[in-house]
Amino acid sequence: MRIVVWLARAFLFFVLFAFALNNQHDAAIRWFFGYEWRTSMVFVVLAAFALGCVAGVLAMLPSWWRHRRVARRRATDDDPGAATDTSQLVVPPPPEHPPRDGI
């Protein structure tokens, strides 16, 4: 299975690498007040992808925080003393290993 995963990663890398090589022409992004950004198309696509990832993570954060808060509340409601009381924990002794001869 590891080989299949590595082959898929290699395939994806080479596809994206070929995409980058095929899109080396200049692109101009025109902003307000006459400001212009000129760079390769690859960087424009990479910047758009990165901004999309950041926007997706930021859009997900409130929901993630809410679910985390609910899960924490449910964990403390099920067993109120479990989250704070560690005095009843029993730690088993380490297993004894037979002595090694000849070392």
PDB file of N, CA and C in Angstrom:
ATOM      1  N   MET A   1       0.821  -1.189   0.000  1.00  0.00           N
ATOM      2  CA  MET A   1       0.000   0.000   0.000  1.00  0.00           C
ATOM      3  C   MET A   1       0.871   1.261   0.000  1.00  0.00           C
ATOM      4  N   ARG A   2       2.007   1.182   0.699  1.00  0.00           N
ATOM      5  CA  ARG A   2       2.896   2.345   0.728  1.00  0.00           C
ATOM      6  C   ARG A   2       3.407   2.684  -0.663  1.00  0.00           C
ATOM      7  N   ILE A   3       3.652   1.675  -1.464  1.00  0.00           N
ATOM      8  CA  ILE A   3       4.146   1.913  -2.825  1.00  0.00           C
ATOM      9  C   ILE A   3       3.092   2.646  -3.645  1.00  0.00           C
ATOM     10  N   VAL A   4       1.842   2.259  -3.485  1.00  0.00           N
ATOM     11  CA  VAL A   4       0.755   2.906  -4.223  1.00  0.00           C
ATOM     12  C   VAL A   4       0.638   4.374  -3.809  1.00  0.00           C
ATOM     13  N   VAL A   5       0.757   4.642  -2.517  1.00  0.00           N
ATOM     14  CA  VAL A   5       0.674   6.015  -2.033  1.00  0.00           C
ATOM     15  C   VAL A   5       1.837   6.837  -2.588  1.00  0.00           C
ATOM     16  N   TRP A   6       3.049   6.279  -2.572  1.00  0.00           N
ATOM     17  CA  TRP A   6       4.197   7.005  -3.098  1.00  0.00           C
ATOM     18  C   TRP A   6       4.087   7.213  -4.603  1.00  0.00           C
ATOM     19  N   LEU A   7       3.547   6.242  -5.316  1.00  0.00           N
ATOM     20  CA  LEU A   7       3.340   6.418  -6.754  1.00  0.00           C
ATOM     21  C   LEU A   7       2.311   7.521  -7.024  1.00  0.00           C
ATOM     22  N   ALA A   8       1.267   7.576  -6.218  1.00  0.00           N
ATOM     23  CA  ALA A   8       0.270   8.636  -6.391  1.00  0.00           C
ATOM     24  C   ALA A   8       0.884  10.005  -6.098  1.00  0.00           C
ATOM     25  N   ARG A   9       1.711  10.076  -5.065  1.00  0.00           N
ATOM     26  CA  ARG A   9       2.380  11.344  -4.754  1.00  0.00           C
ATOM     27  C   ARG A   9       3.333  11.758  -5.868  1.00  0.00           C
ATOM     28  N   ALA A  10       4.088  10.796  -6.392  1.00  0.00           N
ATOM     29  CA  ALA A  10       5.020  11.106  -7.476  1.00  0.00           C
ATOM     30  C   ALA A  10       4.265  11.570  -8.715  1.00  0.00           C
ATOM     31  N   PHE A  11       3.165  10.908  -9.019  1.00  0.00           N
ATOM     32  CA  PHE A  11       2.351  11.305 -10.167  1.00  0.00           C
ATOM     33  C   PHE A  11       1.833  12.727  -9.992  1.00  0.00           C
ATOM     34  N   LEU A  12       1.308  13.034  -8.805  1.00  0.00           N
ATOM     35  CA  LEU A  12       0.800  14.373  -8.546  1.00  0.00           C
ATOM     36  C   LEU A  12       1.911  15.411  -8.649  1.00  0.00           C
ATOM     37  N   PHE A  13       3.079  15.097  -8.114  1.00  0.00           N
ATOM     38  CA  PHE A  13       4.205  16.019  -8.203  1.00  0.00           C
ATOM     39  C   PHE A  13       4.575  16.294  -9.651  1.00  0.00           C
ATOM     40  N   PHE A  14       4.684  15.253 -10.463  1.00  0.00           N
ATOM     41  CA  PHE A  14       5.088  15.449 -11.850  1.00  0.00           C
ATOM     42  C   PHE A  14       4.023  16.175 -12.662  1.00  0.00           C
ATOM     43  N   VAL A  15       2.765  15.944 -12.352  1.00  0.00           N
ATOM     44  CA  VAL A  15       1.698  16.682 -13.034  1.00  0.00           C
ATOM     45  C   VAL A  15       1.781  18.164 -12.684  1.00  0.00           C
ATOM     46  N   LEU A  16       1.962  18.474 -11.412  1.00  0.00           N
ATOM     47  CA  LEU A  16       2.074  19.879 -11.018  1.00  0.00           C
ATOM     48  C   LEU A  16       3.355  20.512 -11.537  1.00  0.00           C
ATOM     49  N   PHE A  17       4.431  19.742 -11.593  1.00  0.00           N
ATOM     50  CA  PHE A  17       5.684  20.252 -12.133  1.00  0.00           C
ATOM     51  C   PHE A  17       5.541  20.564 -13.621  1.00  0.00           C
ATOM     52  N   ALA A  18       4.883  19.677 -14.363  1.00  0.00           N
ATOM     53  CA  ALA A  18       4.647  19.925 -15.788  1.00  0.00           C
ATOM     54  C   ALA A  18       3.736  21.137 -15.971  1.00  0.00           C
ATOM     55  N   PHE A  19       2.747  21.288 -15.098  1.00  0.00           N
ATOM     56  CA  PHE A  19       1.878  22.460 -15.155  1.00  0.00           C
ATOM     57  C   PHE A  19       2.689  23.731 -14.956  1.00  0.00           C
ATOM     58  N   ALA A  20       3.610  23.703 -13.989  1.00  0.00           N
ATOM     59  CA  ALA A  20       4.437  24.880 -13.722  1.00  0.00           C
ATOM     60  C   ALA A  20       5.339  25.190 -14.907  1.00  0.00           C
ATOM     61  N   LEU A  21       5.894  24.167 -15.529  1.00  0.00           N
ATOM     62  CA  LEU A  21       6.771  24.399 -16.676  1.00  0.00           C
ATOM     63  C   LEU A  21       6.006  24.946 -17.876  1.00  0.00           C
ATOM     64  N   ASN A  22       4.752  24.561 -18.025  1.00  0.00           N
ATOM     65  CA  ASN A  22       3.951  25.018 -19.155  1.00  0.00           C
ATOM     66  C   ASN A  22       3.361  26.413 -18.944  1.00  0.00           C
ATOM     67  N   ASN A  23       3.442  26.945 -17.748  1.00  0.00           N
ATOM     68  CA  ASN A  23       2.845  28.247 -17.450  1.00  0.00           C
ATOM     69  C   ASN A  23       3.885  29.220 -16.921  1.00  0.00           C
ATOM     70  N   GLN A  24       4.946  29.397 -17.680  1.00  0.00           N
ATOM     71  CA  GLN A  24       6.004  30.306 -17.252  1.00  0.00           C
ATOM     72  C   GLN A  24       5.858  31.704 -17.834  1.00  0.00           C
ATOM     73  N   HIS A  25       4.850  31.942 -18.629  1.00  0.00           N
ATOM     74  CA  HIS A  25       4.695  33.273 -19.202  1.00  0.00           C
ATOM     75  C   HIS A  25       4.277  34.270 -18.123  1.00  0.00           C
ATOM     76  N   ASP A  26       4.512  35.542 -18.393  1.00  0.00           N
ATOM     77  CA  ASP A  26       4.224  36.586 -17.412  1.00  0.00           C
ATOM     78  C   ASP A  26       2.727  36.851 -17.302  1.00  0.00           C
ATOM     79  N   ALA A  27       2.337  37.196 -16.112  1.00  0.00           N
ATOM     80  CA  ALA A  27       0.957  37.588 -15.844  1.00  0.00           C
ATOM     81  C   ALA A  27       0.994  38.897 -15.069  1.00  0.00           C
ATOM     82  N   ALA A  28       0.006  39.726 -15.292  1.00  0.00           N
ATOM     83  CA  ALA A  28      -0.073  41.010 -14.596  1.00  0.00           C
ATOM     84  C   ALA A  28      -1.370  41.067 -13.817  1.00  0.00           C
ATOM     85  N   ILE A  29      -1.246  41.333 -12.540  1.00  0.00           N
ATOM     86  CA  ILE A  29      -2.408  41.531 -11.681  1.00  0.00           C
ATOM     87  C   ILE A  29      -2.500  43.026 -11.418  1.00  0.00           C
ATOM     88  N   ARG A  30      -3.580  43.632 -11.851  1.00  0.00           N
ATOM     89  CA  ARG A  30      -3.750  45.076 -11.702  1.00  0.00           C
ATOM     90  C   ARG A  30      -4.645  45.373 -10.504  1.00  0.00           C
ATOM     91  N   TRP A  31      -4.090  46.106  -9.546  1.00  0.00           N
ATOM     92  CA  TRP A  31      -4.795  46.475  -8.333  1.00  0.00           C
ATOM     93  C   TRP A  31      -5.336  47.887  -8.479  1.00  0.00           C
ATOM     94  N   PHE A  32      -5.772  48.431  -7.394  1.00  0.00           N
ATOM     95  CA  PHE A  32      -6.289  49.797  -7.391  1.00  0.00           C
ATOM     96  C   PHE A  32      -5.148  50.809  -7.432  1.00  0.00           C
ATOM     97  N   PHE A  33      -5.463  52.027  -7.847  1.00  0.00           N
ATOM     98  CA  PHE A  33      -4.556  53.174  -7.853  1.00  0.00           C
ATOM     99  C   PHE A  33      -3.314  52.928  -8.710  1.00  0.00           C
ATOM    100  N   GLY A  34      -3.454  52.160  -9.773  1.00  0.00           N
ATOM    101  CA  GLY A  34      -2.370  51.936 -10.710  1.00  0.00           C
ATOM    102  C   GLY A  34      -1.309  50.957 -10.267  1.00  0.00           C
ATOM    103  N   TYR A  35      -1.491  50.300  -9.142  1.00  0.00           N
ATOM    104  CA  TYR A  35      -0.520  49.321  -8.679  1.00  0.00           C
ATOM    105  C   TYR A  35      -0.671  48.048  -9.494  1.00  0.00           C
ATOM    106  N   GLU A  36       0.445  47.489  -9.916  1.00  0.00           N
ATOM    107  CA  GLU A  36       0.425  46.299 -10.763  1.00  0.00           C
ATOM    108  C   GLU A  36       1.482  45.310 -10.275  1.00  0.00           C
ATOM    109  N   TRP A  37       1.115  44.046 -10.265  1.00  0.00           N
ATOM    110  CA  TRP A  37       2.035  42.987  -9.853  1.00  0.00           C
ATOM    111  C   TRP A  37       2.304  42.120 -11.064  1.00  0.00           C
ATOM    112  N   ARG A  38       3.557  42.048 -11.503  1.00  0.00           N
ATOM    113  CA  ARG A  38       3.939  41.222 -12.645  1.00  0.00           C
ATOM    114  C   ARG A  38       4.813  40.079 -12.162  1.00  0.00           C
ATOM    115  N   THR A  39       4.419  38.882 -12.526  1.00  0.00           N
ATOM    116  CA  THR A  39       5.169  37.689 -12.138  1.00  0.00           C
ATOM    117  C   THR A  39       4.755  36.537 -13.054  1.00  0.00           C
ATOM    118  N   SER A  40       5.360  35.384 -12.852  1.00  0.00           N
ATOM    119  CA  SER A  40       4.990  34.206 -13.644  1.00  0.00           C
ATOM    120  C   SER A  40       3.596  33.733 -13.261  1.00  0.00           C
ATOM    121  N   MET A  41       2.932  33.111 -14.210  1.00  0.00           N
ATOM    122  CA  MET A  41       1.587  32.600 -13.968  1.00  0.00           C
ATOM    123  C   MET A  41       1.584  31.565 -12.838  1.00  0.00           C
ATOM    124  N   VAL A  42       2.670  30.822 -12.702  1.00  0.00           N
ATOM    125  CA  VAL A  42       2.747  29.801 -11.655  1.00  0.00           C
ATOM    126  C   VAL A  42       2.602  30.436 -10.280  1.00  0.00           C
ATOM    127  N   PHE A  43       3.241  31.578 -10.060  1.00  0.00           N
ATOM    128  CA  PHE A  43       3.150  32.237  -8.765  1.00  0.00           C
ATOM    129  C   PHE A  43       1.759  32.796  -8.515  1.00  0.00           C
ATOM    130  N   VAL A  44       1.103  33.250  -9.560  1.00  0.00           N
ATOM    131  CA  VAL A  44      -0.266  33.744  -9.416  1.00  0.00           C
ATOM    132  C   VAL A  44      -1.192  32.590  -9.008  1.00  0.00           C
ATOM    133  N   VAL A  45      -1.039  31.446  -9.649  1.00  0.00           N
ATOM    134  CA  VAL A  45      -1.868  30.288  -9.311  1.00  0.00           C
ATOM    135  C   VAL A  45      -1.551  29.802  -7.904  1.00  0.00           C
ATOM    136  N   LEU A  46      -0.261  29.770  -7.547  1.00  0.00           N
ATOM    137  CA  LEU A  46       0.130  29.348  -6.202  1.00  0.00           C
ATOM    138  C   LEU A  46      -0.428  30.297  -5.145  1.00  0.00           C
ATOM    139  N   ALA A  47      -0.372  31.590  -5.396  1.00  0.00           N
ATOM    140  CA  ALA A  47      -0.912  32.568  -4.446  1.00  0.00           C
ATOM    141  C   ALA A  47      -2.427  32.414  -4.309  1.00  0.00           C
ATOM    142  N   ALA A  48      -3.119  32.193  -5.422  1.00  0.00           N
ATOM    143  CA  ALA A  48      -4.570  32.004  -5.365  1.00  0.00           C
ATOM    144  C   ALA A  48      -4.921  30.738  -4.588  1.00  0.00           C
ATOM    145  N   PHE A  49      -4.158  29.676  -4.789  1.00  0.00           N
ATOM    146  CA  PHE A  49      -4.383  28.424  -4.056  1.00  0.00           C
ATOM    147  C   PHE A  49      -4.150  28.626  -2.559  1.00  0.00           C
ATOM    148  N   ALA A  50      -3.047  29.303  -2.204  1.00  0.00           N
ATOM    149  CA  ALA A  50      -2.738  29.535  -0.793  1.00  0.00           C
ATOM    150  C   ALA A  50      -3.807  30.400  -0.132  1.00  0.00           C
ATOM    151  N   LEU A  51      -4.254  31.452  -0.816  1.00  0.00           N
ATOM    152  CA  LEU A  51      -5.307  32.301  -0.256  1.00  0.00           C
ATOM    153  C   LEU A  51      -6.621  31.530  -0.096  1.00  0.00           C
ATOM    154  N   GLY A  52      -6.908  30.635  -1.024  1.00  0.00           N
ATOM    155  CA  GLY A  52      -8.103  29.802  -0.906  1.00  0.00           C
ATOM    156  C   GLY A  52      -8.023  28.851   0.281  1.00  0.00           C
ATOM    157  N   CYS A  53      -6.844  28.280   0.511  1.00  0.00           N
ATOM    158  CA  CYS A  53      -6.659  27.403   1.673  1.00  0.00           C
ATOM    159  C   CYS A  53      -6.829  28.182   2.972  1.00  0.00           C
ATOM    160  N   VAL A  54      -6.251  29.358   3.049  1.00  0.00           N
ATOM    161  CA  VAL A  54      -6.368  30.184   4.251  1.00  0.00           C
ATOM    162  C   VAL A  54      -7.824  30.575   4.474  1.00  0.00           C
ATOM    163  N   ALA A  55      -8.525  30.969   3.420  1.00  0.00           N
ATOM    164  CA  ALA A  55      -9.934  31.341   3.558  1.00  0.00           C
ATOM    165  C   ALA A  55     -10.771  30.144   4.013  1.00  0.00           C
ATOM    166  N   GLY A  56     -10.483  28.957   3.496  1.00  0.00           N
ATOM    167  CA  GLY A  56     -11.212  27.764   3.915  1.00  0.00           C
ATOM    168  C   GLY A  56     -10.991  27.425   5.378  1.00  0.00           C
ATOM    169  N   VAL A  57      -9.754  27.526   5.836  1.00  0.00           N
ATOM    170  CA  VAL A  57      -9.452  27.246   7.240  1.00  0.00           C
ATOM    171  C   VAL A  57     -10.113  28.280   8.142  1.00  0.00           C
ATOM    172  N   LEU A  58     -10.041  29.555   7.756  1.00  0.00           N
ATOM    173  CA  LEU A  58     -10.672  30.591   8.567  1.00  0.00           C
ATOM    174  C   LEU A  58     -12.194  30.433   8.601  1.00  0.00           C
ATOM    175  N   ALA A  59     -12.783  29.988   7.512  1.00  0.00           N
ATOM    176  CA  ALA A  59     -14.226  29.776   7.493  1.00  0.00           C
ATOM    177  C   ALA A  59     -14.625  28.575   8.352  1.00  0.00           C
ATOM    178  N   MET A  60     -13.718  27.620   8.518  1.00  0.00           N
ATOM    179  CA  MET A  60     -14.004  26.415   9.290  1.00  0.00           C
ATOM    180  C   MET A  60     -13.810  26.618  10.788  1.00  0.00           C
ATOM    181  N   LEU A  61     -12.999  27.581  11.192  1.00  0.00           N
ATOM    182  CA  LEU A  61     -12.637  27.736  12.601  1.00  0.00           C
ATOM    183  C   LEU A  61     -13.820  27.898  13.558  1.00  0.00           C
ATOM    184  N   PRO A  62     -14.806  28.750  13.305  1.00  0.00           N
ATOM    185  CA  PRO A  62     -15.914  28.863  14.271  1.00  0.00           C
ATOM    186  C   PRO A  62     -16.649  27.542  14.495  1.00  0.00           C
ATOM    187  N   SER A  63     -16.877  26.807  13.436  1.00  0.00           N
ATOM    188  CA  SER A  63     -17.540  25.513  13.580  1.00  0.00           C
ATOM    189  C   SER A  63     -16.670  24.537  14.361  1.00  0.00           C
ATOM    190  N   TRP A  64     -15.383  24.539  14.083  1.00  0.00           N
ATOM    191  CA  TRP A  64     -14.469  23.649  14.786  1.00  0.00           C
ATOM    192  C   TRP A  64     -14.442  23.986  16.268  1.00  0.00           C
ATOM    193  N   TRP A  65     -14.364  25.272  16.621  1.00  0.00           N
ATOM    194  CA  TRP A  65     -14.360  25.682  18.024  1.00  0.00           C
ATOM    195  C   TRP A  65     -15.656  25.270  18.719  1.00  0.00           C
ATOM    196  N   ARG A  66     -16.789  25.424  18.029  1.00  0.00           N
ATOM    197  CA  ARG A  66     -18.072  25.054  18.618  1.00  0.00           C
ATOM    198  C   ARG A  66     -18.128  23.553  18.889  1.00  0.00           C
ATOM    199  N   HIS A  67     -17.703  22.735  17.930  1.00  0.00           N
ATOM    200  CA  HIS A  67     -17.708  21.284  18.127  1.00  0.00           C
ATOM    201  C   HIS A  67     -16.742  20.869  19.236  1.00  0.00           C
ATOM    202  N   ARG A  68     -15.622  21.544  19.319  1.00  0.00           N
ATOM    203  CA  ARG A  68     -14.651  21.230  20.358  1.00  0.00           C
ATOM    204  C   ARG A  68     -15.216  21.572  21.738  1.00  0.00           C
ATOM    205  N   ARG A  69     -15.899  22.717  21.832  1.00  0.00           N
ATOM    206  CA  ARG A  69     -16.504  23.115  23.091  1.00  0.00           C
ATOM    207  C   ARG A  69     -17.597  22.127  23.511  1.00  0.00           C
ATOM    208  N   VAL A  70     -18.420  21.684  22.563  1.00  0.00           N
ATOM    209  CA  VAL A  70     -19.475  20.714  22.859  1.00  0.00           C
ATOM    210  C   VAL A  70     -18.870  19.380  23.283  1.00  0.00           C
ATOM    211  N   ALA A  71     -17.827  18.940  22.614  1.00  0.00           N
ATOM    212  CA  ALA A  71     -17.189  17.662  22.970  1.00  0.00           C
ATOM    213  C   ALA A  71     -16.571  17.737  24.363  1.00  0.00           C
ATOM    214  N   ARG A  72     -15.947  18.850  24.685  1.00  0.00           N
ATOM    215  CA  ARG A  72     -15.352  19.006  26.017  1.00  0.00           C
ATOM    216  C   ARG A  72     -16.440  19.016  27.086  1.00  0.00           C
ATOM    217  N   ARG A  73     -17.560  19.685  26.791  1.00  0.00           N
ATOM    218  CA  ARG A  73     -18.659  19.732  27.750  1.00  0.00           C
ATOM    219  C   ARG A  73     -19.255  18.343  27.944  1.00  0.00           C
ATOM    220  N   ARG A  74     -19.412  17.579  26.885  1.00  0.00           N
ATOM    221  CA  ARG A  74     -19.952  16.215  27.003  1.00  0.00           C
ATOM    222  C   ARG A  74     -19.008  15.310  27.771  1.00  0.00           C
ATOM    223  N   ALA A  75     -17.709  15.481  27.587  1.00  0.00           N
ATOM    224  CA  ALA A  75     -16.749  14.648  28.303  1.00  0.00           C
ATOM    225  C   ALA A  75     -16.810  14.917  29.801  1.00  0.00           C
ATOM    226  N   THR A  76     -16.994  16.159  30.187  1.00  0.00           N
ATOM    227  CA  THR A  76     -17.077  16.469  31.618  1.00  0.00           C
ATOM    228  C   THR A  76     -18.452  16.135  32.182  1.00  0.00           C
ATOM    229  N   ASP A  77     -19.504  16.147  31.355  1.00  0.00           N
ATOM    230  CA  ASP A  77     -20.838  15.783  31.835  1.00  0.00           C
ATOM    231  C   ASP A  77     -20.942  14.290  32.096  1.00  0.00           C
ATOM    232  N   ASP A  78     -20.286  13.466  31.288  1.00  0.00           N
ATOM    233  CA  ASP A  78     -20.357  12.017  31.458  1.00  0.00           C
ATOM    234  C   ASP A  78     -19.699  11.578  32.760  1.00  0.00           C
ATOM    235  N   ASP A  79     -18.549  12.123  33.060  1.00  0.00           N
ATOM    236  CA  ASP A  79     -17.825  11.767  34.270  1.00  0.00           C
ATOM    237  C   ASP A  79     -17.127  13.026  34.784  1.00  0.00           C
ATOM    238  N   PRO A  80     -17.771  13.770  35.669  1.00  0.00           N
ATOM    239  CA  PRO A  80     -17.227  15.056  36.086  1.00  0.00           C
ATOM    240  C   PRO A  80     -15.848  14.967  36.727  1.00  0.00           C
ATOM    241  N   GLY A  81     -15.539  13.886  37.411  1.00  0.00           N
ATOM    242  CA  GLY A  81     -14.246  13.784  38.080  1.00  0.00           C
ATOM    243  C   GLY A  81     -13.146  13.238  37.205  1.00  0.00           C
ATOM    244  N   ALA A  82     -13.485  12.719  36.032  1.00  0.00           N
ATOM    245  CA  ALA A  82     -12.477  12.064  35.194  1.00  0.00           C
ATOM    246  C   ALA A  82     -11.487  13.048  34.611  1.00  0.00           C
ATOM    247  N   ALA A  83     -11.918  14.249  34.316  1.00  0.00           N
ATOM    248  CA  ALA A  83     -11.027  15.200  33.660  1.00  0.00           C
ATOM    249  C   ALA A  83     -10.024  15.816  34.625  1.00  0.00           C
ATOM    250  N   THR A  84     -10.354  15.851  35.935  1.00  0.00           N
ATOM    251  CA  THR A  84      -9.464  16.544  36.855  1.00  0.00           C
ATOM    252  C   THR A  84      -8.829  15.639  37.898  1.00  0.00           C
ATOM    253  N   ASP A  85      -9.469  14.554  38.302  1.00  0.00           N
ATOM    254  CA  ASP A  85      -8.966  13.721  39.382  1.00  0.00           C
ATOM    255  C   ASP A  85      -8.095  12.600  38.821  1.00  0.00           C
ATOM    256  N   THR A  86      -6.811  12.657  39.117  1.00  0.00           N
ATOM    257  CA  THR A  86      -5.890  11.601  38.670  1.00  0.00           C
ATOM    258  C   THR A  86      -5.346  10.810  39.835  1.00  0.00           C
ATOM    259  N   SER A  87      -5.916  10.984  41.039  1.00  0.00           N
ATOM    260  CA  SER A  87      -5.394  10.291  42.210  1.00  0.00           C
ATOM    261  C   SER A  87      -5.719   8.805  42.191  1.00  0.00           C
ATOM    262  N   GLN A  88      -6.722   8.388  41.445  1.00  0.00           N
ATOM    263  CA  GLN A  88      -7.124   6.991  41.424  1.00  0.00           C
ATOM    264  C   GLN A  88      -6.459   6.183  40.309  1.00  0.00           C
ATOM    265  N   LEU A  89      -5.571   6.805  39.564  1.00  0.00           N
ATOM    266  CA  LEU A  89      -4.902   6.094  38.476  1.00  0.00           C
ATOM    267  C   LEU A  89      -3.930   5.076  39.042  1.00  0.00           C
ATOM    268  N   VAL A  90      -3.948   3.893  38.464  1.00  0.00           N
ATOM    269  CA  VAL A  90      -3.034   2.834  38.870  1.00  0.00           C
ATOM    270  C   VAL A  90      -2.076   2.600  37.717  1.00  0.00           C
ATOM    271  N   VAL A  91      -0.806   2.753  37.996  1.00  0.00           N
ATOM    272  CA  VAL A  91       0.211   2.548  36.973  1.00  0.00           C
ATOM    273  C   VAL A  91       0.801   1.163  37.180  1.00  0.00           C
ATOM    274  N   PRO A  92       0.692   0.283  36.192  1.00  0.00           N
ATOM    275  CA  PRO A  92       1.233  -1.069  36.367  1.00  0.00           C
ATOM    276  C   PRO A  92       2.760  -1.029  36.399  1.00  0.00           C
ATOM    277  N   PRO A  93       3.375  -1.959  37.119  1.00  0.00           N
ATOM    278  CA  PRO A  93       4.838  -1.990  37.155  1.00  0.00           C
ATOM    279  C   PRO A  93       5.387  -2.394  35.787  1.00  0.00           C
ATOM    280  N   PRO A  94       6.602  -1.987  35.487  1.00  0.00           N
ATOM    281  CA  PRO A  94       7.187  -2.365  34.202  1.00  0.00           C
ATOM    282  C   PRO A  94       7.416  -3.869  34.140  1.00  0.00           C
ATOM    283  N   PRO A  95       7.297  -4.457  32.967  1.00  0.00           N
ATOM    284  CA  PRO A  95       7.500  -5.910  32.858  1.00  0.00           C
ATOM    285  C   PRO A  95       8.965  -6.262  33.130  1.00  0.00           C
ATOM    286  N   GLU A  96       9.151  -7.399  33.764  1.00  0.00           N
ATOM    287  CA  GLU A  96      10.502  -7.840  34.052  1.00  0.00           C
ATOM    288  C   GLU A  96      11.021  -8.646  32.864  1.00  0.00           C
ATOM    289  N   HIS A  97      12.225  -8.316  32.454  1.00  0.00           N
ATOM    290  CA  HIS A  97      12.844  -9.006  31.347  1.00  0.00           C
ATOM    291  C   HIS A  97      13.886  -9.981  31.883  1.00  0.00           C
ATOM    292  N   PRO A  98      14.004 -11.148  31.281  1.00  0.00           N
ATOM    293  CA  PRO A  98      15.047 -12.076  31.740  1.00  0.00           C
ATOM    294  C   PRO A  98      16.424 -11.503  31.441  1.00  0.00           C
ATOM    295  N   PRO A  99      17.411 -11.752  32.283  1.00  0.00           N
ATOM    296  CA  PRO A  99      18.748 -11.220  32.028  1.00  0.00           C
ATOM    297  C   PRO A  99      19.351 -11.824  30.761  1.00  0.00           C
ATOM    298  N   ARG A 100      20.085 -10.991  30.070  1.00  0.00           N
ATOM    299  CA  ARG A 100      20.743 -11.445  28.844  1.00  0.00           C
ATOM    300  C   ARG A 100      22.142 -11.957  29.181  1.00  0.00           C
ATOM    301  N   ASP A 101      22.473 -13.107  28.690  1.00  0.00           N
ATOM    302  CA  ASP A 101      23.794 -13.663  28.920  1.00  0.00           C
ATOM    303  C   ASP A 101      24.696 -13.394  27.741  1.00  0.00           C
ATOM    304  N   GLY A 102      25.932 -13.148  28.010  1.00  0.00           N
ATOM    305  CA  GLY A 102      26.914 -13.010  26.933  1.00  0.00           C
ATOM    306  C   GLY A 102      27.026 -11.623  26.365  1.00  0.00           C
ATOM    307  N   ILE A 103      26.514 -10.636  27.052  1.00  0.00           N
ATOM    308  CA  ILE A 103      26.634  -9.265  26.512  1.00  0.00           C
ATOM    309  C   ILE A 103      27.654  -8.509  27.313  1.00  0.00           C
TER     310      ILE A 103
END
